[in-house]
Each structure stands twice: as C-alpha cells, then as structure tokens.
C-alpha cells in the first residue's frame, strides 16, 4: 500500500499491479523492501521507471519483478489505469486498450 503522506495514490494497493513511477526514493534498504514484497506475494506485477537506479533494479532482480526503464516518449505515454503488458527481458511495454488493439511504448 502506498503510505507516503499527501501522495495522490495514498492508500492504493500495489500488489499485482504494474507500478509506473519516475525513480526510487530512499536508501539502500529499498532493494530489500522490494524483495520482501515479492517474497510475501505483495509485489507489483511489474515496474516501469524513467530511470531505474540501482536500488530499484537490484530489488526487481532479486524479487523477480519485471522492470523496464528509459521508455521512448516517457511515462506520460501510459495513462493511469491503462492495461499494459511488460516484458522485462525484452525491455518492452505494450499498452492494451479497451478495443484489444495494441501499441508499443
């Protein structure tokens, strides 16, 4: 659950969702927190960053969470609530709309 005070998504559960955010925040314990979320089956299904710094990248690796960064066009291409397919191995994000058509970011 997002707990940061005054965050527009405060109280929203991230478990099983694709989490889109510009970059990490905090200290090196952040990697362990991401891993612990995975271990406790509370992790996001995937993460998309503008720039995945080492804290987020290490947490994603040890937690086996797909992670993509440096999207061409930036994060604004992904609207809130969009249905997306993330392939961390290929570094791709597909935005799936309600009509079933696909676009690649």
C-alpha atoms as a PDB file:
ATOM      1  CA  UNK A   1       0.000   0.000   0.000  1.00  0.00           C
ATOM      2  CA  UNK A   2       1.257   3.472  -0.799  1.00  0.00           C
ATOM      3  CA  UNK A   3       1.728   5.246   2.518  1.00  0.00           C
ATOM      4  CA  UNK A   4       3.501   8.483   1.582  1.00  0.00           C
ATOM      5  CA  UNK A   5       1.657  11.399   3.131  1.00  0.00           C
ATOM      6  CA  UNK A   6      -0.006  13.715   0.584  1.00  0.00           C
ATOM      7  CA  UNK A   7       0.671  11.288  -2.291  1.00  0.00           C
ATOM      8  CA  UNK A   8      -2.284  11.254  -4.717  1.00  0.00           C
ATOM      9  CA  UNK A   9      -2.325   7.430  -4.573  1.00  0.00           C
ATOM     10  CA  UNK A  10      -2.015   7.138  -0.785  1.00  0.00           C
ATOM     11  CA  UNK A  11      -3.860   4.029   0.362  1.00  0.00           C
ATOM     12  CA  UNK A  12      -3.774   2.280  -3.025  1.00  0.00           C
ATOM     13  CA  UNK A  13      -2.572  -1.332  -3.004  1.00  0.00           C
ATOM     14  CA  UNK A  14       0.241  -2.091  -5.469  1.00  0.00           C
ATOM     15  CA  UNK A  15       0.106  -5.869  -5.241  1.00  0.00           C
ATOM     16  CA  UNK A  16      -0.352  -7.439  -8.671  1.00  0.00           C
ATOM     17  CA  UNK A  17      -0.456  -4.092 -10.490  1.00  0.00           C
ATOM     18  CA  UNK A  18       2.041  -2.503 -12.843  1.00  0.00           C
ATOM     19  CA  UNK A  19       3.670   0.301 -10.879  1.00  0.00           C
ATOM     20  CA  UNK A  20       4.732   3.284 -13.010  1.00  0.00           C
ATOM     21  CA  UNK A  21       6.963   5.857 -11.316  1.00  0.00           C
ATOM     22  CA  UNK A  22       9.900   8.051 -12.354  1.00  0.00           C
ATOM     23  CA  UNK A  23      12.560   6.756  -9.932  1.00  0.00           C
ATOM     24  CA  UNK A  24      13.096   5.330  -6.489  1.00  0.00           C
ATOM     25  CA  UNK A  25      13.256   7.246  -3.263  1.00  0.00           C
ATOM     26  CA  UNK A  26      15.125   6.367  -0.117  1.00  0.00           C
ATOM     27  CA  UNK A  27      18.150   4.413   0.989  1.00  0.00           C
ATOM     28  CA  UNK A  28      19.687   1.064   0.134  1.00  0.00           C
ATOM     29  CA  UNK A  29      17.085  -0.701   2.273  1.00  0.00           C
ATOM     30  CA  UNK A  30      14.723  -0.037  -0.651  1.00  0.00           C
ATOM     31  CA  UNK A  31      16.117  -3.055  -2.524  1.00  0.00           C
ATOM     32  CA  UNK A  32      15.261  -5.301   0.388  1.00  0.00           C
ATOM     33  CA  UNK A  33      11.769  -3.803   0.683  1.00  0.00           C
ATOM     34  CA  UNK A  34      11.067  -4.591  -2.990  1.00  0.00           C
ATOM     35  CA  UNK A  35      12.396  -8.117  -2.476  1.00  0.00           C
ATOM     36  CA  UNK A  36      10.320  -8.567   0.708  1.00  0.00           C
ATOM     37  CA  UNK A  37       7.186  -7.511  -1.162  1.00  0.00           C
ATOM     38  CA  UNK A  38       7.895 -10.250  -3.688  1.00  0.00           C
ATOM     39  CA  UNK A  39       8.669 -12.847  -1.036  1.00  0.00           C
ATOM     40  CA  UNK A  40       5.388 -12.034   0.733  1.00  0.00           C
ATOM     41  CA  UNK A  41       3.377 -12.058  -2.517  1.00  0.00           C
ATOM     42  CA  UNK A  42       2.580  -8.333  -2.220  1.00  0.00           C
ATOM     43  CA  UNK A  43       4.821  -7.040  -5.015  1.00  0.00           C
ATOM     44  CA  UNK A  44       3.714  -5.215  -8.113  1.00  0.00           C
ATOM     45  CA  UNK A  45       3.352  -7.406 -11.213  1.00  0.00           C
ATOM     46  CA  UNK A  46       5.953  -5.186 -12.912  1.00  0.00           C
ATOM     47  CA  UNK A  47       7.568  -1.770 -12.611  1.00  0.00           C
ATOM     48  CA  UNK A  48       8.195   0.934 -15.200  1.00  0.00           C
ATOM     49  CA  UNK A  49      10.610   3.792 -14.467  1.00  0.00           C
ATOM     50  CA  UNK A  50      12.069   6.766 -16.264  1.00  0.00           C
ATOM     51  CA  UNK A  51      15.383   5.698 -14.820  1.00  0.00           C
ATOM     52  CA  UNK A  52      15.774   2.608 -12.665  1.00  0.00           C
ATOM     53  CA  UNK A  53      18.625   3.395 -10.346  1.00  0.00           C
ATOM     54  CA  UNK A  54      20.491   0.549  -8.615  1.00  0.00           C
ATOM     55  CA  UNK A  55      18.214   0.425  -5.552  1.00  0.00           C
ATOM     56  CA  UNK A  56      15.121  -0.324  -7.649  1.00  0.00           C
ATOM     57  CA  UNK A  57      16.969  -2.500 -10.178  1.00  0.00           C
ATOM     58  CA  UNK A  58      18.502  -4.734  -7.505  1.00  0.00           C
ATOM     59  CA  UNK A  59      15.160  -5.123  -5.733  1.00  0.00           C
ATOM     60  CA  UNK A  60      13.494  -6.060  -9.011  1.00  0.00           C
ATOM     61  CA  UNK A  61      16.224  -8.574  -9.858  1.00  0.00           C
ATOM     62  CA  UNK A  62      16.256 -10.378  -6.515  1.00  0.00           C
ATOM     63  CA  UNK A  63      12.453 -10.212  -6.300  1.00  0.00           C
ATOM     64  CA  UNK A  64      11.999 -11.479  -9.900  1.00  0.00           C
ATOM     65  CA  UNK A  65       9.829  -8.465 -10.779  1.00  0.00           C
ATOM     66  CA  UNK A  66       9.883  -7.358 -14.431  1.00  0.00           C
ATOM     67  CA  UNK A  67      11.334  -3.848 -14.764  1.00  0.00           C
ATOM     68  CA  UNK A  68      11.574  -1.577 -17.787  1.00  0.00           C
ATOM     69  CA  UNK A  69      13.062   1.912 -17.911  1.00  0.00           C
ATOM     70  CA  UNK A  70      14.026   4.599 -20.421  1.00  0.00           C
ATOM     71  CA  UNK A  71      10.791   4.330 -22.418  1.00  0.00           C
ATOM     72  CA  UNK A  72      10.930   6.217 -25.663  1.00  0.00           C
ATOM     73  CA  UNK A  73       8.418   9.020 -25.178  1.00  0.00           C
ATOM     74  CA  UNK A  74       8.479   8.812 -21.380  1.00  0.00           C
ATOM     75  CA  UNK A  75       5.981   7.734 -18.781  1.00  0.00           C
ATOM     76  CA  UNK A  76       3.283  10.125 -19.986  1.00  0.00           C
ATOM     77  CA  UNK A  77       2.516   7.608 -22.751  1.00  0.00           C
ATOM     78  CA  UNK A  78       0.985   5.328 -20.120  1.00  0.00           C
ATOM     79  CA  UNK A  79      -2.303   6.733 -18.829  1.00  0.00           C
ATOM     80  CA  UNK A  80      -3.417   5.972 -15.264  1.00  0.00           C
ATOM     81  CA  UNK A  81      -5.368   2.750 -15.150  1.00  0.00           C
ATOM     82  CA  UNK A  82      -4.143   1.544 -18.557  1.00  0.00           C
ATOM     83  CA  UNK A  83      -3.892  -2.170 -19.200  1.00  0.00           C
ATOM     84  CA  UNK A  84      -0.262  -2.914 -20.107  1.00  0.00           C
ATOM     85  CA  UNK A  85       1.947  -5.896 -20.859  1.00  0.00           C
ATOM     86  CA  UNK A  86       5.519  -5.586 -19.580  1.00  0.00           C
ATOM     87  CA  UNK A  87       8.381  -7.752 -20.837  1.00  0.00           C
ATOM     88  CA  UNK A  88      11.384  -7.026 -18.623  1.00  0.00           C
ATOM     89  CA  UNK A  89      13.649  -9.346 -20.610  1.00  0.00           C
ATOM     90  CA  UNK A  90      12.982  -7.568 -23.883  1.00  0.00           C
ATOM     91  CA  UNK A  91      12.584  -4.134 -22.293  1.00  0.00           C
ATOM     92  CA  UNK A  92       9.176  -3.543 -23.862  1.00  0.00           C
ATOM     93  CA  UNK A  93       5.848  -2.220 -22.691  1.00  0.00           C
ATOM     94  CA  UNK A  94       2.660  -2.771 -24.684  1.00  0.00           C
ATOM     95  CA  UNK A  95      -0.322  -0.587 -23.957  1.00  0.00           C
ATOM     96  CA  UNK A  96      -3.538  -2.544 -24.474  1.00  0.00           C
ATOM     97  CA  UNK A  97      -6.686  -0.502 -24.960  1.00  0.00           C
ATOM     98  CA  UNK A  98     -10.322  -1.478 -24.403  1.00  0.00           C
ATOM     99  CA  UNK A  99     -10.719  -2.456 -28.053  1.00  0.00           C
ATOM    100  CA  UNK A 100      -7.972  -5.064 -27.754  1.00  0.00           C
ATOM    101  CA  UNK A 101      -5.603  -3.199 -30.071  1.00  0.00           C
ATOM    102  CA  UNK A 102      -2.013  -2.790 -29.012  1.00  0.00           C
ATOM    103  CA  UNK A 103       0.615  -0.082 -29.071  1.00  0.00           C
ATOM    104  CA  UNK A 104       4.239  -0.305 -28.029  1.00  0.00           C
ATOM    105  CA  UNK A 105       5.962   2.235 -25.807  1.00  0.00           C
END
